[in-house]
Amino acid sequence: MASNTVTAKTFTPLTIPAPIKTLFSDIRFAHVVAEYISAATGMPVTIEDVVTQDMLDKVTVMRVLSADPRKFTSLQGIGHLRNLQELMIERQPVTCLPEDFGTLKKLTLGYFINCSIKSIPCWIGNLTSLTILDLSSQVPLGVMRGAVPESIGNLTQLERFDISNNSNLCGKLPDSLARLTSLKSLSIQSNGFEDLSVLNALHSVNFFNFINQALGIFDLGRVRQNSSLPIRLPEIFVQAQTPGDKLYVPSGVEILGSPGAYLDQNRLYVHLPTDNTGTFEVMLAIHGRLTNVSYRWTVTA
């Protein structure tokens, strides 16, 4: 069986003792760290002061809330805070989770709300102590793109996972989520996931929010008049028509914008009309779920 373990690049700490300002790539984040070292040790320090690893190890909680006027773009160097257990970052223009973040083996709570993180790193599964991971509402809307990595299934202690309101997360929600037997809350709404079949295997989850999956517009290009044009439905639309599926809705799939389009008997394909020339567009929508996909095509003689 293939392993889902993904190893972050080895984090090589700088020689410590060292001045705080040399340990973190963003000087503004270094100021934040200095504040937390002061609170944890009871000894006031600034970024100019030399700190020991023992002093860094005393920092177990860090919360930088939305009202904090200090704005930093990088967390690089956070791996020096080896005993960090809770991290909350709100409204900071942080664009990525640095690889040394993946070495924080004791981290149980990770909140990154209204930041600017562009993707979920493949090594996220190294943080095996996490019970809460919140990557919701990155800004600007749509900045976070791509898929949820398979390694997410390594977070077997995870109880709450929130990646909602990111718009451009897409693809198949990984089957490895079925290994998260402690998961109680899953929020994935307002994204573009095409396949949510793994939801049927999440027996421990008692709160789901998966509405508003906008898959966008697919341009099918040019087709010949009176030719066949069957399009395989995204899996999420098949799920909506399958009794017993978590996504099932009795009203099924609506076809909007093209009277000649129809679903086949097995409801796996939508057949698009090509009897008239011109450019056409059709939308498929799951009733009551704010979930849709559109197709555009041009019929030529």
C-alpha atoms as a PDB file:
ATOM      1  CA  MET A   1       0.000   0.000   0.000  1.00  0.00           C
ATOM      2  CA  ALA A   2       1.350   3.412  -0.914  1.00  0.00           C
ATOM      3  CA  SER A   3       2.151   5.721   1.966  1.00  0.00           C
ATOM      4  CA  ASN A   4       0.531   9.131   2.288  1.00  0.00           C
ATOM      5  CA  THR A   5       3.367  10.420   4.455  1.00  0.00           C
ATOM      6  CA  VAL A   6       4.923  13.525   2.946  1.00  0.00           C
ATOM      7  CA  THR A   7       8.050  14.861   4.558  1.00  0.00           C
ATOM      8  CA  ALA A   8       8.723  18.568   4.711  1.00  0.00           C
ATOM      9  CA  LYS A   9      12.252  19.562   3.786  1.00  0.00           C
ATOM     10  CA  THR A  10      14.509  19.214   6.787  1.00  0.00           C
ATOM     11  CA  PHE A  11      14.362  22.311   8.950  1.00  0.00           C
ATOM     12  CA  THR A  12      17.879  23.322   9.904  1.00  0.00           C
ATOM     13  CA  PRO A  13      17.679  25.779  12.805  1.00  0.00           C
ATOM     14  CA  LEU A  14      20.174  28.564  13.033  1.00  0.00           C
ATOM     15  CA  THR A  15      22.806  28.392  15.735  1.00  0.00           C
ATOM     16  CA  ILE A  16      21.167  29.264  19.033  1.00  0.00           C
ATOM     17  CA  PRO A  17      21.682  31.293  21.252  1.00  0.00           C
ATOM     18  CA  ALA A  18      21.077  34.051  18.694  1.00  0.00           C
ATOM     19  CA  PRO A  19      19.386  37.457  18.450  1.00  0.00           C
ATOM     20  CA  ILE A  20      15.649  37.088  17.818  1.00  0.00           C
ATOM     21  CA  LYS A  21      15.828  39.222  14.664  1.00  0.00           C
ATOM     22  CA  THR A  22      18.133  36.664  13.011  1.00  0.00           C
ATOM     23  CA  LEU A  23      15.775  33.737  13.584  1.00  0.00           C
ATOM     24  CA  PHE A  24      12.753  35.020  11.627  1.00  0.00           C
ATOM     25  CA  SER A  25      12.706  36.261   8.035  1.00  0.00           C
ATOM     26  CA  ASP A  26      10.014  38.918   8.627  1.00  0.00           C
ATOM     27  CA  ILE A  27      11.159  41.504  11.171  1.00  0.00           C
ATOM     28  CA  ARG A  28       7.545  42.332  12.025  1.00  0.00           C
ATOM     29  CA  PHE A  29       6.872  38.712  12.943  1.00  0.00           C
ATOM     30  CA  ALA A  30      10.096  38.753  14.970  1.00  0.00           C
ATOM     31  CA  HIS A  31       8.592  41.593  17.051  1.00  0.00           C
ATOM     32  CA  VAL A  32       5.521  39.450  17.715  1.00  0.00           C
ATOM     33  CA  VAL A  33       7.686  36.522  18.794  1.00  0.00           C
ATOM     34  CA  ALA A  34       9.713  38.768  21.116  1.00  0.00           C
ATOM     35  CA  GLU A  35       6.492  39.831  22.818  1.00  0.00           C
ATOM     36  CA  TYR A  36       5.479  36.214  23.412  1.00  0.00           C
ATOM     37  CA  ILE A  37       8.922  35.224  24.683  1.00  0.00           C
ATOM     38  CA  SER A  38       8.730  38.115  27.159  1.00  0.00           C
ATOM     39  CA  ALA A  39       5.321  36.950  28.394  1.00  0.00           C
ATOM     40  CA  ALA A  40       6.352  33.292  28.625  1.00  0.00           C
ATOM     41  CA  THR A  41       9.643  33.894  30.445  1.00  0.00           C
ATOM     42  CA  GLY A  42       8.650  36.919  32.533  1.00  0.00           C
ATOM     43  CA  MET A  43      11.760  38.640  31.210  1.00  0.00           C
ATOM     44  CA  PRO A  44      11.364  41.570  28.779  1.00  0.00           C
ATOM     45  CA  VAL A  45      13.224  41.027  25.492  1.00  0.00           C
ATOM     46  CA  THR A  46      13.429  42.825  22.166  1.00  0.00           C
ATOM     47  CA  ILE A  47      14.384  41.562  18.732  1.00  0.00           C
ATOM     48  CA  GLU A  48      17.966  42.676  19.433  1.00  0.00           C
ATOM     49  CA  ASP A  49      18.319  40.370  22.416  1.00  0.00           C
ATOM     50  CA  VAL A  50      19.976  36.964  22.300  1.00  0.00           C
ATOM     51  CA  VAL A  51      17.663  34.095  23.254  1.00  0.00           C
ATOM     52  CA  THR A  52      18.304  30.467  24.111  1.00  0.00           C
ATOM     53  CA  GLN A  53      16.360  27.449  22.866  1.00  0.00           C
ATOM     54  CA  ASP A  54      14.958  27.051  26.366  1.00  0.00           C
ATOM     55  CA  MET A  55      13.435  30.548  26.126  1.00  0.00           C
ATOM     56  CA  LEU A  56      11.927  29.768  22.696  1.00  0.00           C
ATOM     57  CA  ASP A  57      10.535  26.480  24.017  1.00  0.00           C
ATOM     58  CA  LYS A  58       8.502  28.305  26.657  1.00  0.00           C
ATOM     59  CA  VAL A  59       6.203  29.777  23.971  1.00  0.00           C
ATOM     60  CA  THR A  60       3.242  27.382  23.670  1.00  0.00           C
ATOM     61  CA  VAL A  61       0.438  29.714  22.537  1.00  0.00           C
ATOM     62  CA  MET A  62       0.421  32.539  19.987  1.00  0.00           C
ATOM     63  CA  ARG A  63      -2.621  34.575  18.959  1.00  0.00           C
ATOM     64  CA  VAL A  64      -2.349  37.465  16.517  1.00  0.00           C
ATOM     65  CA  LEU A  65      -5.909  38.710  16.135  1.00  0.00           C
ATOM     66  CA  SER A  66      -7.464  40.865  13.429  1.00  0.00           C
ATOM     67  CA  ALA A  67      -7.159  44.104  15.435  1.00  0.00           C
ATOM     68  CA  ASP A  68      -3.368  43.785  15.714  1.00  0.00           C
ATOM     69  CA  PRO A  69      -1.817  46.690  13.730  1.00  0.00           C
ATOM     70  CA  ARG A  70       1.384  44.761  12.976  1.00  0.00           C
ATOM     71  CA  LYS A  71       1.185  43.178   9.534  1.00  0.00           C
ATOM     72  CA  PHE A  72       3.647  40.492   8.482  1.00  0.00           C
ATOM     73  CA  THR A  73       3.883  38.400   5.323  1.00  0.00           C
ATOM     74  CA  SER A  74       6.028  35.457   6.452  1.00  0.00           C
ATOM     75  CA  LEU A  75       6.100  32.977   9.314  1.00  0.00           C
ATOM     76  CA  GLN A  76       9.487  31.617   8.263  1.00  0.00           C
ATOM     77  CA  GLY A  77      11.438  30.641  11.356  1.00  0.00           C
ATOM     78  CA  ILE A  78       8.382  29.507  13.320  1.00  0.00           C
ATOM     79  CA  GLY A  79       9.963  26.055  13.534  1.00  0.00           C
ATOM     80  CA  HIS A  80      12.203  27.453  16.284  1.00  0.00           C
ATOM     81  CA  LEU A  81       9.112  27.508  18.544  1.00  0.00           C
ATOM     82  CA  ARG A  82       9.258  23.746  19.024  1.00  0.00           C
ATOM     83  CA  ASN A  83       6.655  23.559  21.820  1.00  0.00           C
ATOM     84  CA  LEU A  84       3.993  25.666  20.106  1.00  0.00           C
ATOM     85  CA  GLN A  85       0.582  24.082  20.709  1.00  0.00           C
ATOM     86  CA  GLU A  86      -1.918  26.761  19.687  1.00  0.00           C
ATOM     87  CA  LEU A  87      -1.516  29.217  16.816  1.00  0.00           C
ATOM     88  CA  MET A  88      -4.162  31.712  15.708  1.00  0.00           C
ATOM     89  CA  ILE A  89      -3.395  34.175  12.906  1.00  0.00           C
ATOM     90  CA  GLU A  90      -6.153  36.519  11.692  1.00  0.00           C
ATOM     91  CA  ARG A  91      -6.097  39.072   8.866  1.00  0.00           C
ATOM     92  CA  GLN A  92      -2.388  38.879   8.154  1.00  0.00           C
ATOM     93  CA  PRO A  93      -1.058  38.965   4.557  1.00  0.00           C
ATOM     94  CA  VAL A  94       0.732  35.634   5.006  1.00  0.00           C
ATOM     95  CA  THR A  95       0.832  33.951   1.585  1.00  0.00           C
ATOM     96  CA  CYS A  96       2.058  30.475   2.519  1.00  0.00           C
ATOM     97  CA  LEU A  97       2.708  28.122   5.390  1.00  0.00           C
ATOM     98  CA  PRO A  98       6.512  27.811   5.505  1.00  0.00           C
ATOM     99  CA  GLU A  99       8.027  24.341   5.458  1.00  0.00           C
ATOM    100  CA  ASP A 100       9.393  24.689   8.982  1.00  0.00           C
ATOM    101  CA  PHE A 101       5.773  25.071  10.133  1.00  0.00           C
ATOM    102  CA  GLY A 102       5.467  21.382   9.248  1.00  0.00           C
ATOM    103  CA  THR A 103       7.922  20.503  12.029  1.00  0.00           C
ATOM    104  CA  LEU A 104       5.642  21.690  14.854  1.00  0.00           C
ATOM    105  CA  LYS A 105       4.747  18.211  16.109  1.00  0.00           C
ATOM    106  CA  LYS A 106       3.004  19.495  19.262  1.00  0.00           C
ATOM    107  CA  LEU A 107       0.629  21.873  17.462  1.00  0.00           C
ATOM    108  CA  THR A 108      -3.003  21.045  18.272  1.00  0.00           C
ATOM    109  CA  LEU A 109      -4.854  24.172  17.092  1.00  0.00           C
ATOM    110  CA  GLY A 110      -4.146  25.998  13.835  1.00  0.00           C
ATOM    111  CA  TYR A 111      -6.287  28.974  12.803  1.00  0.00           C
ATOM    112  CA  PHE A 112      -5.439  31.019   9.706  1.00  0.00           C
ATOM    113  CA  ILE A 113      -8.562  33.085   9.030  1.00  0.00           C
ATOM    114  CA  ASN A 114      -8.701  35.908   6.465  1.00  0.00           C
ATOM    115  CA  CYS A 115      -5.023  35.515   5.604  1.00  0.00           C
ATOM    116  CA  SER A 116      -3.725  35.178   2.016  1.00  0.00           C
ATOM    117  CA  ILE A 117      -2.507  31.578   1.923  1.00  0.00           C
ATOM    118  CA  LYS A 118      -2.436  30.342  -1.670  1.00  0.00           C
ATOM    119  CA  SER A 119      -2.537  26.565  -1.212  1.00  0.00           C
ATOM    120  CA  ILE A 120      -2.637  23.721   1.295  1.00  0.00           C
ATOM    121  CA  PRO A 121       0.875  22.217   1.396  1.00  0.00           C
ATOM    122  CA  CYS A 122       1.319  18.495   0.788  1.00  0.00           C
ATOM    123  CA  TRP A 123       3.218  18.126   4.078  1.00  0.00           C
ATOM    124  CA  ILE A 124       0.241  19.319   6.157  1.00  0.00           C
ATOM    125  CA  GLY A 125      -0.188  15.670   7.170  1.00  0.00           C
ATOM    126  CA  ASN A 126       2.996  15.889   9.249  1.00  0.00           C
ATOM    127  CA  LEU A 127       1.121  17.901  11.916  1.00  0.00           C
ATOM    128  CA  THR A 128      -0.353  14.774  13.471  1.00  0.00           C
ATOM    129  CA  SER A 129      -1.323  16.405  16.795  1.00  0.00           C
ATOM    130  CA  LEU A 130      -3.780  18.832  15.154  1.00  0.00           C
ATOM    131  CA  THR A 131      -7.342  18.702  16.458  1.00  0.00           C
ATOM    132  CA  ILE A 132      -8.517  21.895  14.710  1.00  0.00           C
ATOM    133  CA  LEU A 133      -7.394  23.261  11.349  1.00  0.00           C
ATOM    134  CA  ASP A 134      -9.120  26.378  10.015  1.00  0.00           C
ATOM    135  CA  LEU A 135      -8.026  27.772   6.649  1.00  0.00           C
ATOM    136  CA  SER A 136     -11.314  29.479   5.830  1.00  0.00           C
ATOM    137  CA  SER A 137     -11.901  32.726   3.947  1.00  0.00           C
ATOM    138  CA  GLN A 138      -8.464  33.505   2.550  1.00  0.00           C
ATOM    139  CA  VAL A 139      -8.310  36.919   0.899  1.00  0.00           C
ATOM    140  CA  PRO A 140      -8.747  38.124  -1.715  1.00  0.00           C
ATOM    141  CA  LEU A 141     -11.492  35.621  -2.500  1.00  0.00           C
ATOM    142  CA  GLY A 142     -10.133  32.851  -4.683  1.00  0.00           C
ATOM    143  CA  VAL A 143      -6.460  33.277  -3.757  1.00  0.00           C
ATOM    144  CA  MET A 144      -6.343  29.753  -2.280  1.00  0.00           C
ATOM    145  CA  ARG A 145      -6.356  27.282  -5.169  1.00  0.00           C
ATOM    146  CA  GLY A 146      -5.802  23.638  -5.952  1.00  0.00           C
ATOM    147  CA  ALA A 147      -6.745  20.422  -4.204  1.00  0.00           C
ATOM    148  CA  VAL A 148      -6.754  19.175  -0.636  1.00  0.00           C
ATOM    149  CA  PRO A 149      -3.700  16.874  -0.410  1.00  0.00           C
ATOM    150  CA  GLU A 150      -4.086  13.157   0.332  1.00  0.00           C
ATOM    151  CA  SER A 151      -1.784  13.597   3.335  1.00  0.00           C
ATOM    152  CA  ILE A 152      -4.683  15.259   5.199  1.00  0.00           C
ATOM    153  CA  GLY A 153      -5.681  11.709   6.102  1.00  0.00           C
ATOM    154  CA  ASN A 154      -2.672  11.483   8.427  1.00  0.00           C
ATOM    155  CA  LEU A 155      -4.290  13.962  10.849  1.00  0.00           C
ATOM    156  CA  THR A 156      -6.132  11.236  12.718  1.00  0.00           C
ATOM    157  CA  GLN A 157      -6.747  13.422  15.788  1.00  0.00           C
ATOM    158  CA  LEU A 158      -8.441  16.161  13.735  1.00  0.00           C
ATOM    159  CA  GLU A 159     -11.904  17.039  15.065  1.00  0.00           C
ATOM    160  CA  ARG A 160     -12.696  20.173  13.066  1.00  0.00           C
ATOM    161  CA  PHE A 161     -11.603  21.008   9.505  1.00  0.00           C
ATOM    162  CA  ASP A 162     -12.723  24.264   7.881  1.00  0.00           C
ATOM    163  CA  ILE A 163     -11.683  25.306   4.368  1.00  0.00           C
ATOM    164  CA  SER A 164     -14.901  27.142   3.532  1.00  0.00           C
ATOM    165  CA  ASN A 165     -15.312  30.306   1.459  1.00  0.00           C
ATOM    166  CA  ASN A 166     -12.194  29.916  -0.654  1.00  0.00           C
ATOM    167  CA  SER A 167     -13.926  29.653  -4.032  1.00  0.00           C
ATOM    168  CA  ASN A 168     -11.098  27.992  -5.978  1.00  0.00           C
ATOM    169  CA  LEU A 169     -10.353  24.839  -3.992  1.00  0.00           C
ATOM    170  CA  CYS A 170     -11.351  22.119  -6.429  1.00  0.00           C
ATOM    171  CA  GLY A 171     -11.074  18.538  -7.661  1.00  0.00           C
ATOM    172  CA  LYS A 172     -11.940  15.495  -5.586  1.00  0.00           C
ATOM    173  CA  LEU A 173     -12.104  15.732  -1.802  1.00  0.00           C
ATOM    174  CA  PRO A 174      -9.510  13.043  -0.999  1.00  0.00           C
ATOM    175  CA  ASP A 175     -10.575   9.555   0.031  1.00  0.00           C
ATOM    176  CA  SER A 176      -7.993   9.720   2.825  1.00  0.00           C
ATOM    177  CA  LEU A 177     -10.450  11.870   4.811  1.00  0.00           C
ATOM    178  CA  ALA A 178     -12.236   8.611   5.647  1.00  0.00           C
ATOM    179  CA  ARG A 179      -9.343   7.818   8.004  1.00  0.00           C
ATOM    180  CA  LEU A 180     -10.211  10.823  10.195  1.00  0.00           C
ATOM    181  CA  THR A 181     -12.328   8.885  12.675  1.00  0.00           C
ATOM    182  CA  SER A 182     -12.209  11.731  15.237  1.00  0.00           C
ATOM    183  CA  LEU A 183     -13.615  14.312  12.798  1.00  0.00           C
ATOM    184  CA  LYS A 184     -16.824  15.941  14.057  1.00  0.00           C
ATOM    185  CA  SER A 185     -17.154  19.097  11.943  1.00  0.00           C
ATOM    186  CA  LEU A 186     -16.381  19.598   8.248  1.00  0.00           C
ATOM    187  CA  SER A 187     -16.964  22.915   6.461  1.00  0.00           C
ATOM    188  CA  ILE A 188     -16.139  22.986   2.740  1.00  0.00           C
ATOM    189  CA  GLN A 189     -18.875  25.282   1.420  1.00  0.00           C
ATOM    190  CA  SER A 190     -18.305  27.932  -1.243  1.00  0.00           C
ATOM    191  CA  ASN A 191     -15.571  26.178  -3.208  1.00  0.00           C
ATOM    192  CA  GLY A 192     -15.433  24.265  -6.490  1.00  0.00           C
ATOM    193  CA  PHE A 193     -15.205  20.593  -5.515  1.00  0.00           C
ATOM    194  CA  GLU A 194     -16.318  18.222  -8.274  1.00  0.00           C
ATOM    195  CA  ASP A 195     -16.389  14.984  -6.265  1.00  0.00           C
ATOM    196  CA  LEU A 196     -17.534  14.708  -2.648  1.00  0.00           C
ATOM    197  CA  SER A 197     -18.132  10.947  -2.578  1.00  0.00           C
ATOM    198  CA  VAL A 198     -15.873  10.558   0.477  1.00  0.00           C
ATOM    199  CA  LEU A 199     -18.574  12.263   2.566  1.00  0.00           C
ATOM    200  CA  ASN A 200     -20.449   8.948   2.579  1.00  0.00           C
ATOM    201  CA  ALA A 201     -17.570   7.358   4.508  1.00  0.00           C
ATOM    202  CA  LEU A 202     -17.328  10.020   7.230  1.00  0.00           C
ATOM    203  CA  HIS A 203     -19.452   8.315   9.858  1.00  0.00           C
ATOM    204  CA  SER A 204     -18.124  10.291  12.839  1.00  0.00           C
ATOM    205  CA  VAL A 205     -18.990  13.730  11.418  1.00  0.00           C
ATOM    206  CA  ASN A 206     -22.121  15.315  12.884  1.00  0.00           C
ATOM    207  CA  PHE A 207     -21.812  18.705  11.158  1.00  0.00           C
ATOM    208  CA  PHE A 208     -21.427  19.102   7.389  1.00  0.00           C
ATOM    209  CA  ASN A 209     -21.589  22.220   5.267  1.00  0.00           C
ATOM    210  CA  PHE A 210     -20.960  21.496   1.595  1.00  0.00           C
ATOM    211  CA  ILE A 211     -23.328  23.815  -0.287  1.00  0.00           C
ATOM    212  CA  ASN A 212     -22.343  26.317  -2.974  1.00  0.00           C
ATOM    213  CA  GLN A 213     -19.862  24.373  -5.079  1.00  0.00           C
ATOM    214  CA  ALA A 214     -19.469  26.554  -8.185  1.00  0.00           C
ATOM    215  CA  LEU A 215     -17.575  24.574 -10.817  1.00  0.00           C
ATOM    216  CA  GLY A 216     -17.443  27.412 -13.337  1.00  0.00           C
ATOM    217  CA  ILE A 217     -17.951  27.496 -17.122  1.00  0.00           C
ATOM    218  CA  PHE A 218     -16.398  24.901 -19.438  1.00  0.00           C
ATOM    219  CA  ASP A 219     -15.886  25.918 -23.057  1.00  0.00           C
ATOM    220  CA  LEU A 220     -16.431  22.865 -25.280  1.00  0.00           C
ATOM    221  CA  GLY A 221     -15.292  24.624 -28.427  1.00  0.00           C
ATOM    222  CA  ARG A 222     -16.773  23.978 -31.875  1.00  0.00           C
ATOM    223  CA  VAL A 223     -18.926  20.993 -32.862  1.00  0.00           C
ATOM    224  CA  ARG A 224     -20.599  19.982 -36.103  1.00  0.00           C
ATOM    225  CA  GLN A 225     -24.297  20.567 -36.556  1.00  0.00           C
ATOM    226  CA  ASN A 226     -26.449  17.489 -35.768  1.00  0.00           C
ATOM    227  CA  SER A 227     -23.508  15.700 -34.127  1.00  0.00           C
ATOM    228  CA  SER A 228     -23.703  13.922 -30.773  1.00  0.00           C
ATOM    229  CA  LEU A 229     -22.558  15.952 -27.750  1.00  0.00           C
ATOM    230  CA  PRO A 230     -22.821  13.912 -24.511  1.00  0.00           C
ATOM    231  CA  ILE A 231     -20.991  15.358 -21.490  1.00  0.00           C
ATOM    232  CA  ARG A 232     -20.199  13.241 -18.429  1.00  0.00           C
ATOM    233  CA  LEU A 233     -21.623  14.895 -15.333  1.00  0.00           C
ATOM    234  CA  PRO A 234     -19.212  15.887 -12.559  1.00  0.00           C
ATOM    235  CA  GLU A 235     -19.479  13.297  -9.788  1.00  0.00           C
ATOM    236  CA  ILE A 236     -21.145  15.752  -7.406  1.00  0.00           C
ATOM    237  CA  PHE A 237     -24.152  15.900  -9.788  1.00  0.00           C
ATOM    238  CA  VAL A 238     -24.337  12.110  -9.923  1.00  0.00           C
ATOM    239  CA  GLN A 239     -24.294  12.051  -6.120  1.00  0.00           C
ATOM    240  CA  ALA A 240     -27.214  14.499  -5.990  1.00  0.00           C
ATOM    241  CA  GLN A 241     -29.297  11.998  -8.004  1.00  0.00           C
ATOM    242  CA  THR A 242     -28.300   8.870  -6.067  1.00  0.00           C
ATOM    243  CA  PRO A 243     -30.699   7.857  -3.257  1.00  0.00           C
ATOM    244  CA  GLY A 244     -28.836   7.235  -0.012  1.00  0.00           C
ATOM    245  CA  ASP A 245     -25.941   9.510  -0.922  1.00  0.00           C
ATOM    246  CA  LYS A 246     -25.218  12.323   1.532  1.00  0.00           C
ATOM    247  CA  LEU A 247     -25.713  14.791  -1.339  1.00  0.00           C
ATOM    248  CA  TYR A 248     -28.975  13.289  -2.601  1.00  0.00           C
ATOM    249  CA  VAL A 249     -31.848  15.689  -3.244  1.00  0.00           C
ATOM    250  CA  PRO A 250     -35.188  14.305  -4.516  1.00  0.00           C
ATOM    251  CA  SER A 251     -35.575  17.166  -6.996  1.00  0.00           C
ATOM    252  CA  GLY A 252     -32.279  16.184  -8.636  1.00  0.00           C
ATOM    253  CA  VAL A 253     -30.519  18.295 -11.248  1.00  0.00           C
ATOM    254  CA  GLU A 254     -32.067  21.240 -13.065  1.00  0.00           C
ATOM    255  CA  ILE A 255     -31.106  22.139 -16.630  1.00  0.00           C
ATOM    256  CA  LEU A 256     -31.256  25.872 -17.288  1.00  0.00           C
ATOM    257  CA  GLY A 257     -30.812  27.824 -20.514  1.00  0.00           C
ATOM    258  CA  SER A 258     -31.186  25.180 -23.229  1.00  0.00           C
ATOM    259  CA  PRO A 259     -34.587  23.522 -23.790  1.00  0.00           C
ATOM    260  CA  GLY A 260     -33.038  20.805 -25.978  1.00  0.00           C
ATOM    261  CA  ALA A 261     -30.590  19.532 -23.363  1.00  0.00           C
ATOM    262  CA  TYR A 262     -31.515  16.388 -21.426  1.00  0.00           C
ATOM    263  CA  LEU A 263     -30.076  13.827 -19.005  1.00  0.00           C
ATOM    264  CA  ASP A 264     -29.721  10.237 -20.185  1.00  0.00           C
ATOM    265  CA  GLN A 265     -31.593   7.380 -18.556  1.00  0.00           C
ATOM    266  CA  ASN A 266     -28.760   6.617 -16.146  1.00  0.00           C
ATOM    267  CA  ARG A 267     -28.401  10.315 -15.290  1.00  0.00           C
ATOM    268  CA  LEU A 268     -24.654  10.147 -15.850  1.00  0.00           C
ATOM    269  CA  TYR A 269     -24.514  12.323 -18.972  1.00  0.00           C
ATOM    270  CA  VAL A 270     -26.129  15.511 -20.162  1.00  0.00           C
ATOM    271  CA  HIS A 271     -26.783  15.552 -23.905  1.00  0.00           C
ATOM    272  CA  LEU A 272     -26.455  18.978 -25.476  1.00  0.00           C
ATOM    273  CA  PRO A 273     -28.379  19.993 -28.615  1.00  0.00           C
ATOM    274  CA  THR A 274     -26.570  20.625 -31.899  1.00  0.00           C
ATOM    275  CA  ASP A 275     -29.498  20.951 -34.326  1.00  0.00           C
ATOM    276  CA  ASN A 276     -29.099  24.739 -34.738  1.00  0.00           C
ATOM    277  CA  THR A 277     -25.955  26.731 -35.511  1.00  0.00           C
ATOM    278  CA  GLY A 278     -24.693  29.389 -33.122  1.00  0.00           C
ATOM    279  CA  THR A 279     -23.149  29.658 -29.671  1.00  0.00           C
ATOM    280  CA  PHE A 280     -25.066  28.218 -26.725  1.00  0.00           C
ATOM    281  CA  GLU A 281     -24.705  27.928 -22.975  1.00  0.00           C
ATOM    282  CA  VAL A 282     -26.413  25.649 -20.473  1.00  0.00           C
ATOM    283  CA  MET A 283     -26.248  25.538 -16.674  1.00  0.00           C
ATOM    284  CA  LEU A 284     -26.773  22.479 -14.511  1.00  0.00           C
ATOM    285  CA  ALA A 285     -27.806  23.198 -10.938  1.00  0.00           C
ATOM    286  CA  ILE A 286     -28.529  21.090  -7.877  1.00  0.00           C
ATOM    287  CA  HIS A 287     -31.790  22.410  -6.494  1.00  0.00           C
ATOM    288  CA  GLY A 288     -31.425  24.055  -3.075  1.00  0.00           C
ATOM    289  CA  ARG A 289     -27.663  23.508  -2.896  1.00  0.00           C
ATOM    290  CA  LEU A 290     -26.352  26.610  -4.727  1.00  0.00           C
ATOM    291  CA  THR A 291     -24.175  24.223  -6.727  1.00  0.00           C
ATOM    292  CA  ASN A 292     -23.785  24.595 -10.476  1.00  0.00           C
ATOM    293  CA  VAL A 293     -21.693  24.042 -13.568  1.00  0.00           C
ATOM    294  CA  SER A 294     -22.044  25.606 -17.018  1.00  0.00           C
ATOM    295  CA  TYR A 295     -21.069  24.510 -20.527  1.00  0.00           C
ATOM    296  CA  ARG A 296     -20.617  26.700 -23.594  1.00  0.00           C
ATOM    297  CA  TRP A 297     -20.317  25.387 -27.155  1.00  0.00           C
ATOM    298  CA  THR A 298     -20.506  26.630 -30.733  1.00  0.00           C
ATOM    299  CA  VAL A 299     -22.371  24.669 -33.421  1.00  0.00           C
ATOM    300  CA  THR A 300     -21.099  25.101 -36.977  1.00  0.00           C
ATOM    301  CA  ALA A 301     -22.591  23.887 -40.260  1.00  0.00           C
END
